[in-house]
Amino acid sequence: TDFTALALTFVLTLAVGIEAGLMAGVGVSLLLHLWRTSRPHIATVGR
């Protein structure tokens, strides 16, 4: 997921522009964080 944010920021900065790449990277990072935390790891535990 972090690689997705890195690669998207890298590609969009080169292909679209400085501001677009940075803003897209921030937006994708927040969305990926929401996606990751929306699927919490729930473990059944024993002693």
All heavy atoms as atom14 arrays in JSON, in Angstrom:
{
  "sequence": "TDFTALALTFVLTLAVGIEAGLMAGVGVSLLLHLWRTSRPHIATVGR",
  "atom14_mask": [
    [1, 1, 1, 1, 1, 1, 1, 0, 0, 0, 0, 0, 0, 0],
    [1, 1, 1, 1, 1, 1, 1, 1, 0, 0, 0, 0, 0, 0],
    [1, 1, 1, 1, 1, 1, 1, 1, 1, 1, 1, 0, 0, 0],
    [1, 1, 1, 1, 1, 1, 1, 0, 0, 0, 0, 0, 0, 0],
    [1, 1, 1, 1, 1, 0, 0, 0, 0, 0, 0, 0, 0, 0],
    [1, 1, 1, 1, 1, 1, 1, 1, 0, 0, 0, 0, 0, 0],
    [1, 1, 1, 1, 1, 0, 0, 0, 0, 0, 0, 0, 0, 0],
    [1, 1, 1, 1, 1, 1, 1, 1, 0, 0, 0, 0, 0, 0],
    [1, 1, 1, 1, 1, 1, 1, 0, 0, 0, 0, 0, 0, 0],
    [1, 1, 1, 1, 1, 1, 1, 1, 1, 1, 1, 0, 0, 0],
    [1, 1, 1, 1, 1, 1, 1, 0, 0, 0, 0, 0, 0, 0],
    [1, 1, 1, 1, 1, 1, 1, 1, 0, 0, 0, 0, 0, 0],
    [1, 1, 1, 1, 1, 1, 1, 0, 0, 0, 0, 0, 0, 0],
    [1, 1, 1, 1, 1, 1, 1, 1, 0, 0, 0, 0, 0, 0],
    [1, 1, 1, 1, 1, 0, 0, 0, 0, 0, 0, 0, 0, 0],
    [1, 1, 1, 1, 1, 1, 1, 0, 0, 0, 0, 0, 0, 0],
    [1, 1, 1, 1, 0, 0, 0, 0, 0, 0, 0, 0, 0, 0],
    [1, 1, 1, 1, 1, 1, 1, 1, 0, 0, 0, 0, 0, 0],
    [1, 1, 1, 1, 1, 1, 1, 1, 1, 0, 0, 0, 0, 0],
    [1, 1, 1, 1, 1, 0, 0, 0, 0, 0, 0, 0, 0, 0],
    [1, 1, 1, 1, 0, 0, 0, 0, 0, 0, 0, 0, 0, 0],
    [1, 1, 1, 1, 1, 1, 1, 1, 0, 0, 0, 0, 0, 0],
    [1, 1, 1, 1, 1, 1, 1, 1, 0, 0, 0, 0, 0, 0],
    [1, 1, 1, 1, 1, 0, 0, 0, 0, 0, 0, 0, 0, 0],
    [1, 1, 1, 1, 0, 0, 0, 0, 0, 0, 0, 0, 0, 0],
    [1, 1, 1, 1, 1, 1, 1, 0, 0, 0, 0, 0, 0, 0],
    [1, 1, 1, 1, 0, 0, 0, 0, 0, 0, 0, 0, 0, 0],
    [1, 1, 1, 1, 1, 1, 1, 0, 0, 0, 0, 0, 0, 0],
    [1, 1, 1, 1, 1, 1, 0, 0, 0, 0, 0, 0, 0, 0],
    [1, 1, 1, 1, 1, 1, 1, 1, 0, 0, 0, 0, 0, 0],
    [1, 1, 1, 1, 1, 1, 1, 1, 0, 0, 0, 0, 0, 0],
    [1, 1, 1, 1, 1, 1, 1, 1, 0, 0, 0, 0, 0, 0],
    [1, 1, 1, 1, 1, 1, 1, 1, 1, 1, 0, 0, 0, 0],
    [1, 1, 1, 1, 1, 1, 1, 1, 0, 0, 0, 0, 0, 0],
    [1, 1, 1, 1, 1, 1, 1, 1, 1, 1, 1, 1, 1, 1],
    [1, 1, 1, 1, 1, 1, 1, 1, 1, 1, 1, 0, 0, 0],
    [1, 1, 1, 1, 1, 1, 1, 0, 0, 0, 0, 0, 0, 0],
    [1, 1, 1, 1, 1, 1, 0, 0, 0, 0, 0, 0, 0, 0],
    [1, 1, 1, 1, 1, 1, 1, 1, 1, 1, 1, 0, 0, 0],
    [1, 1, 1, 1, 1, 1, 1, 0, 0, 0, 0, 0, 0, 0],
    [1, 1, 1, 1, 1, 1, 1, 1, 1, 1, 0, 0, 0, 0],
    [1, 1, 1, 1, 1, 1, 1, 1, 0, 0, 0, 0, 0, 0],
    [1, 1, 1, 1, 1, 0, 0, 0, 0, 0, 0, 0, 0, 0],
    [1, 1, 1, 1, 1, 1, 1, 0, 0, 0, 0, 0, 0, 0],
    [1, 1, 1, 1, 1, 1, 1, 0, 0, 0, 0, 0, 0, 0],
    [1, 1, 1, 1, 0, 0, 0, 0, 0, 0, 0, 0, 0, 0],
    [1, 1, 1, 1, 1, 1, 1, 1, 1, 1, 1, 0, 0, 0]
  ],
  "atom14_positions": [
    [[0.84, -1.21, 0.0], [0.0, 0.0, 0.0], [0.87, 1.25, 0.0], [0.57, 2.23, -0.71], [-0.93, 0.01, 1.22], [-0.15, -0.19, 2.41], [-1.97, -1.09, 1.11], [0.0, 0.0, 0.0], [0.0, 0.0, 0.0], [0.0, 0.0, 0.0], [0.0, 0.0, 0.0], [0.0, 0.0, 0.0], [0.0, 0.0, 0.0], [0.0, 0.0, 0.0]],
    [[1.95, 1.26, 0.79], [2.86, 2.4, 0.79], [3.55, 2.54, -0.56], [3.8, 3.66, -1.04], [3.9, 2.25, 1.89], [3.32, 2.49, 3.27], [2.25, 3.13, 3.35], [3.9, 2.03, 4.26], [0.0, 0.0, 0.0], [0.0, 0.0, 0.0], [0.0, 0.0, 0.0], [0.0, 0.0, 0.0], [0.0, 0.0, 0.0], [0.0, 0.0, 0.0]],
    [[3.87, 1.41, -1.18], [4.49, 1.46, -2.51], [3.52, 2.09, -3.51], [3.96, 2.83, -4.41], [4.87, 0.06, -2.97], [5.43, 0.03, -4.37], [6.76, 0.33, -4.61], [4.62, -0.28, -5.46], [7.28, 0.32, -5.9], [5.12, -0.29, -6.75], [6.46, 0.0, -6.97], [0.0, 0.0, 0.0], [0.0, 0.0, 0.0], [0.0, 0.0, 0.0]],
    [[2.23, 1.8, -3.37], [1.25, 2.41, -4.27], [1.28, 3.93, -4.16], [1.27, 4.64, -5.18], [-0.17, 1.89, -3.92], [-0.2, 0.47, -4.06], [-1.21, 2.51, -4.85], [0.0, 0.0, 0.0], [0.0, 0.0, 0.0], [0.0, 0.0, 0.0], [0.0, 0.0, 0.0], [0.0, 0.0, 0.0], [0.0, 0.0, 0.0], [0.0, 0.0, 0.0]],
    [[1.32, 4.43, -2.93], [1.39, 5.89, -2.74], [2.68, 6.46, -3.31], [2.68, 7.52, -3.96], [1.27, 6.22, -1.25], [0.0, 0.0, 0.0], [0.0, 0.0, 0.0], [0.0, 0.0, 0.0], [0.0, 0.0, 0.0], [0.0, 0.0, 0.0], [0.0, 0.0, 0.0], [0.0, 0.0, 0.0], [0.0, 0.0, 0.0], [0.0, 0.0, 0.0]],
    [[3.8, 5.77, -3.06], [5.09, 6.24, -3.57], [5.09, 6.27, -5.1], [5.48, 7.28, -5.72], [6.19, 5.32, -3.04], [7.65, 5.69, -3.34], [8.57, 5.09, -2.27], [8.12, 5.21, -4.7], [0.0, 0.0, 0.0], [0.0, 0.0, 0.0], [0.0, 0.0, 0.0], [0.0, 0.0, 0.0], [0.0, 0.0, 0.0], [0.0, 0.0, 0.0]],
    [[4.68, 5.16, -5.72], [4.72, 5.06, -7.18], [3.77, 6.05, -7.84], [4.11, 6.67, -8.85], [4.39, 3.63, -7.62], [0.0, 0.0, 0.0], [0.0, 0.0, 0.0], [0.0, 0.0, 0.0], [0.0, 0.0, 0.0], [0.0, 0.0, 0.0], [0.0, 0.0, 0.0], [0.0, 0.0, 0.0], [0.0, 0.0, 0.0], [0.0, 0.0, 0.0]],
    [[2.57, 6.19, -7.26], [1.61, 7.12, -7.85], [2.11, 8.55, -7.76], [1.99, 9.33, -8.72], [0.26, 6.98, -7.13], [-0.88, 7.8, -7.74], [-1.23, 7.28, -9.12], [-2.11, 7.76, -6.84], [0.0, 0.0, 0.0], [0.0, 0.0, 0.0], [0.0, 0.0, 0.0], [0.0, 0.0, 0.0], [0.0, 0.0, 0.0], [0.0, 0.0, 0.0]],
    [[2.67, 8.92, -6.61], [3.23, 10.26, -6.46], [4.36, 10.48, -7.47], [4.44, 11.54, -8.11], [3.76, 10.46, -5.04], [2.72, 10.21, -4.1], [4.26, 11.89, -4.85], [0.0, 0.0, 0.0], [0.0, 0.0, 0.0], [0.0, 0.0, 0.0], [0.0, 0.0, 0.0], [0.0, 0.0, 0.0], [0.0, 0.0, 0.0], [0.0, 0.0, 0.0]],
    [[5.22, 9.5, -7.62], [6.36, 9.59, -8.53], [5.88, 9.78, -9.97], [6.32, 10.71, -10.68], [7.2, 8.32, -8.41], [8.4, 8.28, -9.32], [9.57, 8.93, -8.98], [8.35, 7.57, -10.51], [10.67, 8.88, -9.81], [9.45, 7.52, -11.35], [10.62, 8.18, -11.0], [0.0, 0.0, 0.0], [0.0, 0.0, 0.0], [0.0, 0.0, 0.0]],
    [[4.95, 8.94, -10.41], [4.49, 8.99, -11.8], [3.72, 10.26, -12.09], [3.95, 10.93, -13.12], [3.62, 7.74, -12.11], [2.96, 7.88, -13.48], [4.46, 6.48, -12.06], [0.0, 0.0, 0.0], [0.0, 0.0, 0.0], [0.0, 0.0, 0.0], [0.0, 0.0, 0.0], [0.0, 0.0, 0.0], [0.0, 0.0, 0.0], [0.0, 0.0, 0.0]],
    [[2.82, 10.65, -11.21], [2.01, 11.84, -11.46], [2.84, 13.11, -11.39], [2.57, 14.07, -12.12], [0.86, 11.91, -10.46], [-0.26, 10.89, -10.67], [-1.37, 11.08, -9.65], [-0.83, 10.99, -12.08], [0.0, 0.0, 0.0], [0.0, 0.0, 0.0], [0.0, 0.0, 0.0], [0.0, 0.0, 0.0], [0.0, 0.0, 0.0], [0.0, 0.0, 0.0]],
    [[3.84, 13.14, -10.52], [4.71, 14.32, -10.47], [5.46, 14.49, -11.79], [5.59, 15.6, -12.3], [5.71, 14.2, -9.3], [4.99, 14.11, -8.07], [6.64, 15.41, -9.26], [0.0, 0.0, 0.0], [0.0, 0.0, 0.0], [0.0, 0.0, 0.0], [0.0, 0.0, 0.0], [0.0, 0.0, 0.0], [0.0, 0.0, 0.0], [0.0, 0.0, 0.0]],
    [[5.93, 13.39, -12.35], [6.62, 13.45, -13.63], [5.68, 13.76, -14.78], [6.0, 14.55, -15.68], [7.34, 12.13, -13.91], [8.57, 11.8, -13.07], [9.09, 10.42, -13.42], [9.67, 12.85, -13.27], [0.0, 0.0, 0.0], [0.0, 0.0, 0.0], [0.0, 0.0, 0.0], [0.0, 0.0, 0.0], [0.0, 0.0, 0.0], [0.0, 0.0, 0.0]],
    [[4.51, 13.12, -14.77], [3.62, 13.17, -15.95], [2.64, 14.32, -15.93], [2.27, 14.83, -16.99], [2.85, 11.85, -16.07], [0.0, 0.0, 0.0], [0.0, 0.0, 0.0], [0.0, 0.0, 0.0], [0.0, 0.0, 0.0], [0.0, 0.0, 0.0], [0.0, 0.0, 0.0], [0.0, 0.0, 0.0], [0.0, 0.0, 0.0], [0.0, 0.0, 0.0]],
    [[2.22, 14.75, -14.74], [1.17, 15.78, -14.66], [1.71, 17.09, -14.11], [1.38, 18.16, -14.62], [-0.01, 15.28, -13.79], [-1.11, 16.34, -13.74], [-0.55, 13.97, -14.34], [0.0, 0.0, 0.0], [0.0, 0.0, 0.0], [0.0, 0.0, 0.0], [0.0, 0.0, 0.0], [0.0, 0.0, 0.0], [0.0, 0.0, 0.0], [0.0, 0.0, 0.0]],
    [[2.53, 17.02, -13.07], [3.07, 18.24, -12.51], [3.36, 18.11, -11.03], [2.94, 17.16, -10.37], [0.0, 0.0, 0.0], [0.0, 0.0, 0.0], [0.0, 0.0, 0.0], [0.0, 0.0, 0.0], [0.0, 0.0, 0.0], [0.0, 0.0, 0.0], [0.0, 0.0, 0.0], [0.0, 0.0, 0.0], [0.0, 0.0, 0.0], [0.0, 0.0, 0.0]],
    [[4.08, 19.11, -10.51], [4.53, 19.1, -9.13], [3.35, 19.06, -8.16], [3.24, 18.18, -7.3], [5.39, 20.35, -8.85], [6.67, 20.32, -9.69], [5.71, 20.45, -7.37], [7.69, 19.34, -9.24], [0.0, 0.0, 0.0], [0.0, 0.0, 0.0], [0.0, 0.0, 0.0], [0.0, 0.0, 0.0], [0.0, 0.0, 0.0], [0.0, 0.0, 0.0]],
    [[2.44, 20.02, -8.28], [1.34, 20.13, -7.33], [0.41, 18.93, -7.44], [-0.01, 18.36, -6.42], [0.56, 21.42, -7.57], [1.32, 22.68, -7.2], [0.46, 23.92, -7.36], [-0.78, 23.78, -7.45], [1.01, 25.03, -7.38], [0.0, 0.0, 0.0], [0.0, 0.0, 0.0], [0.0, 0.0, 0.0], [0.0, 0.0, 0.0], [0.0, 0.0, 0.0]],
    [[0.07, 18.52, -8.65], [-0.85, 17.4, -8.84], [-0.28, 16.12, -8.25], [-0.99, 15.35, -7.59], [-1.14, 17.21, -10.33], [0.0, 0.0, 0.0], [0.0, 0.0, 0.0], [0.0, 0.0, 0.0], [0.0, 0.0, 0.0], [0.0, 0.0, 0.0], [0.0, 0.0, 0.0], [0.0, 0.0, 0.0], [0.0, 0.0, 0.0], [0.0, 0.0, 0.0]],
    [[1.01, 15.87, -8.47], [1.63, 14.66, -7.95], [1.63, 14.63, -6.43], [1.3, 13.61, -5.82], [0.0, 0.0, 0.0], [0.0, 0.0, 0.0], [0.0, 0.0, 0.0], [0.0, 0.0, 0.0], [0.0, 0.0, 0.0], [0.0, 0.0, 0.0], [0.0, 0.0, 0.0], [0.0, 0.0, 0.0], [0.0, 0.0, 0.0], [0.0, 0.0, 0.0]],
    [[1.97, 15.76, -5.81], [2.03, 15.8, -4.35], [0.64, 15.67, -3.74], [0.42, 14.91, -2.79], [2.69, 17.1, -3.9], [2.96, 17.23, -2.41], [3.82, 16.08, -1.91], [3.64, 18.56, -2.11], [0.0, 0.0, 0.0], [0.0, 0.0, 0.0], [0.0, 0.0, 0.0], [0.0, 0.0, 0.0], [0.0, 0.0, 0.0], [0.0, 0.0, 0.0]],
    [[-0.33, 16.4, -4.28], [-1.69, 16.34, -3.74], [-2.31, 14.95, -3.93], [-3.0, 14.43, -3.05], [-2.56, 17.42, -4.38], [-2.14, 18.84, -4.0], [-3.13, 20.1, -4.82], [-4.71, 19.84, -4.02], [0.0, 0.0, 0.0], [0.0, 0.0, 0.0], [0.0, 0.0, 0.0], [0.0, 0.0, 0.0], [0.0, 0.0, 0.0], [0.0, 0.0, 0.0]],
    [[-2.05, 14.35, -5.09], [-2.56, 13.0, -5.33], [-1.93, 12.01, -4.36], [-2.61, 11.11, -3.84], [-2.29, 12.58, -6.77], [0.0, 0.0, 0.0], [0.0, 0.0, 0.0], [0.0, 0.0, 0.0], [0.0, 0.0, 0.0], [0.0, 0.0, 0.0], [0.0, 0.0, 0.0], [0.0, 0.0, 0.0], [0.0, 0.0, 0.0], [0.0, 0.0, 0.0]],
    [[-0.64, 12.16, -4.09], [0.03, 11.28, -3.16], [-0.55, 11.37, -1.75], [-0.77, 10.36, -1.09], [0.0, 0.0, 0.0], [0.0, 0.0, 0.0], [0.0, 0.0, 0.0], [0.0, 0.0, 0.0], [0.0, 0.0, 0.0], [0.0, 0.0, 0.0], [0.0, 0.0, 0.0], [0.0, 0.0, 0.0], [0.0, 0.0, 0.0], [0.0, 0.0, 0.0]],
    [[-0.8, 12.61, -1.31], [-1.4, 12.8, 0.01], [-2.8, 12.19, 0.05], [-3.17, 11.48, 0.99], [-1.46, 14.31, 0.36], [-2.26, 14.52, 1.64], [-0.06, 14.88, 0.5], [0.0, 0.0, 0.0], [0.0, 0.0, 0.0], [0.0, 0.0, 0.0], [0.0, 0.0, 0.0], [0.0, 0.0, 0.0], [0.0, 0.0, 0.0], [0.0, 0.0, 0.0]],
    [[-3.59, 12.45, -1.0], [-4.95, 11.9, -1.05], [-4.97, 10.39, -1.05], [-5.74, 9.76, -0.31], [0.0, 0.0, 0.0], [0.0, 0.0, 0.0], [0.0, 0.0, 0.0], [0.0, 0.0, 0.0], [0.0, 0.0, 0.0], [0.0, 0.0, 0.0], [0.0, 0.0, 0.0], [0.0, 0.0, 0.0], [0.0, 0.0, 0.0], [0.0, 0.0, 0.0]],
    [[-4.1, 9.79, -1.85], [-4.05, 8.32, -1.92], [-3.58, 7.73, -0.59], [-4.08, 6.7, -0.14], [-3.14, 7.87, -3.07], [-2.83, 6.39, -2.97], [-3.8, 8.17, -4.4], [0.0, 0.0, 0.0], [0.0, 0.0, 0.0], [0.0, 0.0, 0.0], [0.0, 0.0, 0.0], [0.0, 0.0, 0.0], [0.0, 0.0, 0.0], [0.0, 0.0, 0.0]],
    [[-2.62, 8.39, 0.06], [-2.15, 7.9, 1.36], [-3.28, 7.87, 2.37], [-3.43, 6.9, 3.13], [-1.01, 8.79, 1.88], [0.14, 8.64, 1.1], [0.0, 0.0, 0.0], [0.0, 0.0, 0.0], [0.0, 0.0, 0.0], [0.0, 0.0, 0.0], [0.0, 0.0, 0.0], [0.0, 0.0, 0.0], [0.0, 0.0, 0.0], [0.0, 0.0, 0.0]],
    [[-4.08, 8.93, 2.4], [-5.21, 8.97, 3.34], [-6.24, 7.91, 2.99], [-6.78, 7.24, 3.88], [-5.84, 10.37, 3.33], [-4.95, 11.51, 3.85], [-5.66, 12.85, 3.71], [-4.58, 11.26, 5.31], [0.0, 0.0, 0.0], [0.0, 0.0, 0.0], [0.0, 0.0, 0.0], [0.0, 0.0, 0.0], [0.0, 0.0, 0.0], [0.0, 0.0, 0.0]],
    [[-6.53, 7.76, 1.7], [-7.51, 6.74, 1.3], [-7.01, 5.33, 1.62], [-7.79, 4.47, 2.09], [-7.8, 6.86, -0.2], [-8.6, 8.1, -0.63], [-8.71, 8.15, -2.15], [-10.0, 8.08, -0.01], [0.0, 0.0, 0.0], [0.0, 0.0, 0.0], [0.0, 0.0, 0.0], [0.0, 0.0, 0.0], [0.0, 0.0, 0.0], [0.0, 0.0, 0.0]],
    [[-5.72, 5.08, 1.38], [-5.17, 3.77, 1.7], [-5.17, 3.51, 3.2], [-5.39, 2.38, 3.65], [-3.75, 3.65, 1.15], [-3.64, 3.53, -0.38], [-2.18, 3.58, -0.8], [-4.29, 2.25, -0.87], [0.0, 0.0, 0.0], [0.0, 0.0, 0.0], [0.0, 0.0, 0.0], [0.0, 0.0, 0.0], [0.0, 0.0, 0.0], [0.0, 0.0, 0.0]],
    [[-4.95, 4.57, 3.98], [-5.02, 4.42, 5.43], [-6.44, 4.05, 5.86], [-6.63, 3.14, 6.69], [-4.59, 5.71, 6.12], [-4.79, 5.69, 7.61], [-4.0, 4.96, 8.46], [-5.73, 6.3, 8.39], [-4.42, 5.12, 9.7], [-5.47, 5.92, 9.69], [0.0, 0.0, 0.0], [0.0, 0.0, 0.0], [0.0, 0.0, 0.0], [0.0, 0.0, 0.0]],
    [[-7.42, 4.73, 5.29], [-8.81, 4.4, 5.61], [-9.13, 2.97, 5.19], [-9.79, 2.24, 5.93], [-9.75, 5.39, 4.92], [-9.77, 6.82, 5.47], [-10.64, 7.7, 4.6], [-10.26, 6.84, 6.9], [0.0, 0.0, 0.0], [0.0, 0.0, 0.0], [0.0, 0.0, 0.0], [0.0, 0.0, 0.0], [0.0, 0.0, 0.0], [0.0, 0.0, 0.0]],
    [[-8.68, 2.58, 4.01], [-8.95, 1.23, 3.52], [-8.3, 0.18, 4.42], [-8.91, -0.82, 4.77], [-8.45, 1.09, 2.09], [-8.64, -0.29, 1.52], [-9.79, -0.83, 1.02], [-7.64, -1.31, 1.42], [-9.57, -2.12, 0.6], [-8.27, -2.45, 0.83], [-6.3, -1.39, 1.76], [-7.58, -3.62, 0.58], [-5.6, -2.57, 1.51], [-6.25, -3.67, 0.92]],
    [[-7.05, 0.45, 4.82], [-6.32, -0.52, 5.63], [-6.94, -0.64, 7.02], [-7.11, -1.75, 7.54], [-4.85, -0.08, 5.73], [-3.95, -1.06, 6.46], [-2.49, -0.7, 6.24], [-2.21, 0.68, 6.57], [-1.7, 1.56, 5.73], [-1.42, 1.22, 4.49], [-1.48, 2.81, 6.12], [0.0, 0.0, 0.0], [0.0, 0.0, 0.0], [0.0, 0.0, 0.0]],
    [[-7.27, 0.49, 7.63], [-7.83, 0.45, 8.97], [-9.3, 0.04, 8.97], [-9.84, -0.3, 10.03], [-7.68, 1.8, 9.66], [-8.31, 2.83, 8.85], [-6.22, 2.15, 9.86], [0.0, 0.0, 0.0], [0.0, 0.0, 0.0], [0.0, 0.0, 0.0], [0.0, 0.0, 0.0], [0.0, 0.0, 0.0], [0.0, 0.0, 0.0], [0.0, 0.0, 0.0]],
    [[-9.95, 0.08, 7.81], [-11.34, -0.36, 7.74], [-11.45, -1.88, 7.7], [-12.55, -2.42, 7.77], [-12.04, 0.24, 6.51], [-11.53, -0.33, 5.31], [0.0, 0.0, 0.0], [0.0, 0.0, 0.0], [0.0, 0.0, 0.0], [0.0, 0.0, 0.0], [0.0, 0.0, 0.0], [0.0, 0.0, 0.0], [0.0, 0.0, 0.0], [0.0, 0.0, 0.0]],
    [[-10.32, -2.54, 7.55], [-10.28, -4.01, 7.54], [-9.36, -4.46, 8.67], [-8.26, -4.95, 8.43], [-9.8, -4.51, 6.19], [-10.65, -4.0, 5.04], [-10.01, -4.15, 3.67], [-9.9, -5.54, 3.28], [-8.76, -6.19, 3.09], [-7.61, -5.55, 3.27], [-8.75, -7.45, 2.71], [0.0, 0.0, 0.0], [0.0, 0.0, 0.0], [0.0, 0.0, 0.0]],
    [[-9.77, -4.25, 9.92], [-8.86, -4.51, 11.05], [-8.53, -5.99, 11.2], [-9.34, -6.86, 10.86], [-9.66, -4.01, 12.26], [-11.09, -4.16, 11.85], [-11.12, -3.86, 10.37], [0.0, 0.0, 0.0], [0.0, 0.0, 0.0], [0.0, 0.0, 0.0], [0.0, 0.0, 0.0], [0.0, 0.0, 0.0], [0.0, 0.0, 0.0], [0.0, 0.0, 0.0]],
    [[-7.34, -6.22, 11.68], [-6.94, -7.59, 11.99], [-7.59, -8.0, 13.3], [-7.38, -7.37, 14.35], [-5.42, -7.69, 12.1], [-4.93, -9.06, 12.45], [-4.47, -9.39, 13.69], [-4.85, -10.19, 11.7], [-4.11, -10.65, 13.73], [-4.33, -11.17, 12.52], [0.0, 0.0, 0.0], [0.0, 0.0, 0.0], [0.0, 0.0, 0.0], [0.0, 0.0, 0.0]],
    [[-8.41, -9.03, 13.25], [-9.1, -9.53, 14.43], [-8.63, -10.96, 14.68], [-8.84, -11.84, 13.83], [-10.63, -9.49, 14.25], [-11.09, -8.06, 13.91], [-11.33, -9.98, 15.51], [-12.56, -7.96, 13.58], [0.0, 0.0, 0.0], [0.0, 0.0, 0.0], [0.0, 0.0, 0.0], [0.0, 0.0, 0.0], [0.0, 0.0, 0.0], [0.0, 0.0, 0.0]],
    [[-8.0, -11.18, 15.81], [-7.42, -12.49, 16.11], [-8.2, -13.18, 17.22], [-8.56, -12.55, 18.22], [-5.96, -12.34, 16.51], [0.0, 0.0, 0.0], [0.0, 0.0, 0.0], [0.0, 0.0, 0.0], [0.0, 0.0, 0.0], [0.0, 0.0, 0.0], [0.0, 0.0, 0.0], [0.0, 0.0, 0.0], [0.0, 0.0, 0.0], [0.0, 0.0, 0.0]],
    [[-8.47, -14.47, 17.03], [-8.96, -15.29, 18.13], [-7.76, -15.71, 18.96], [-6.77, -16.23, 18.42], [-9.69, -16.54, 17.59], [-10.8, -16.13, 16.8], [-10.17, -17.41, 18.74], [0.0, 0.0, 0.0], [0.0, 0.0, 0.0], [0.0, 0.0, 0.0], [0.0, 0.0, 0.0], [0.0, 0.0, 0.0], [0.0, 0.0, 0.0], [0.0, 0.0, 0.0]],
    [[-7.8, -15.45, 20.27], [-6.62, -15.66, 21.11], [-6.86, -16.77, 22.13], [-7.99, -17.02, 22.55], [-6.22, -14.36, 21.84], [-5.8, -13.29, 20.85], [-7.34, -13.85, 22.73], [0.0, 0.0, 0.0], [0.0, 0.0, 0.0], [0.0, 0.0, 0.0], [0.0, 0.0, 0.0], [0.0, 0.0, 0.0], [0.0, 0.0, 0.0], [0.0, 0.0, 0.0]],
    [[-5.77, -17.41, 22.48], [-5.78, -18.44, 23.52], [-4.56, -18.3, 24.38], [-3.61, -17.58, 24.04], [0.0, 0.0, 0.0], [0.0, 0.0, 0.0], [0.0, 0.0, 0.0], [0.0, 0.0, 0.0], [0.0, 0.0, 0.0], [0.0, 0.0, 0.0], [0.0, 0.0, 0.0], [0.0, 0.0, 0.0], [0.0, 0.0, 0.0], [0.0, 0.0, 0.0]],
    [[-4.54, -19.02, 25.51], [-3.45, -18.87, 26.47], [-2.26, -19.75, 26.09], [-2.4, -20.93, 25.78], [-3.94, -19.27, 27.87], [-2.91, -19.01, 28.98], [-3.54, -19.25, 30.35], [-3.72, -20.67, 30.59], [-2.83, -21.46, 31.21], [-1.67, -20.94, 31.64], [-3.08, -22.73, 31.4], [0.0, 0.0, 0.0], [0.0, 0.0, 0.0], [0.0, 0.0, 0.0]]
  ]
}
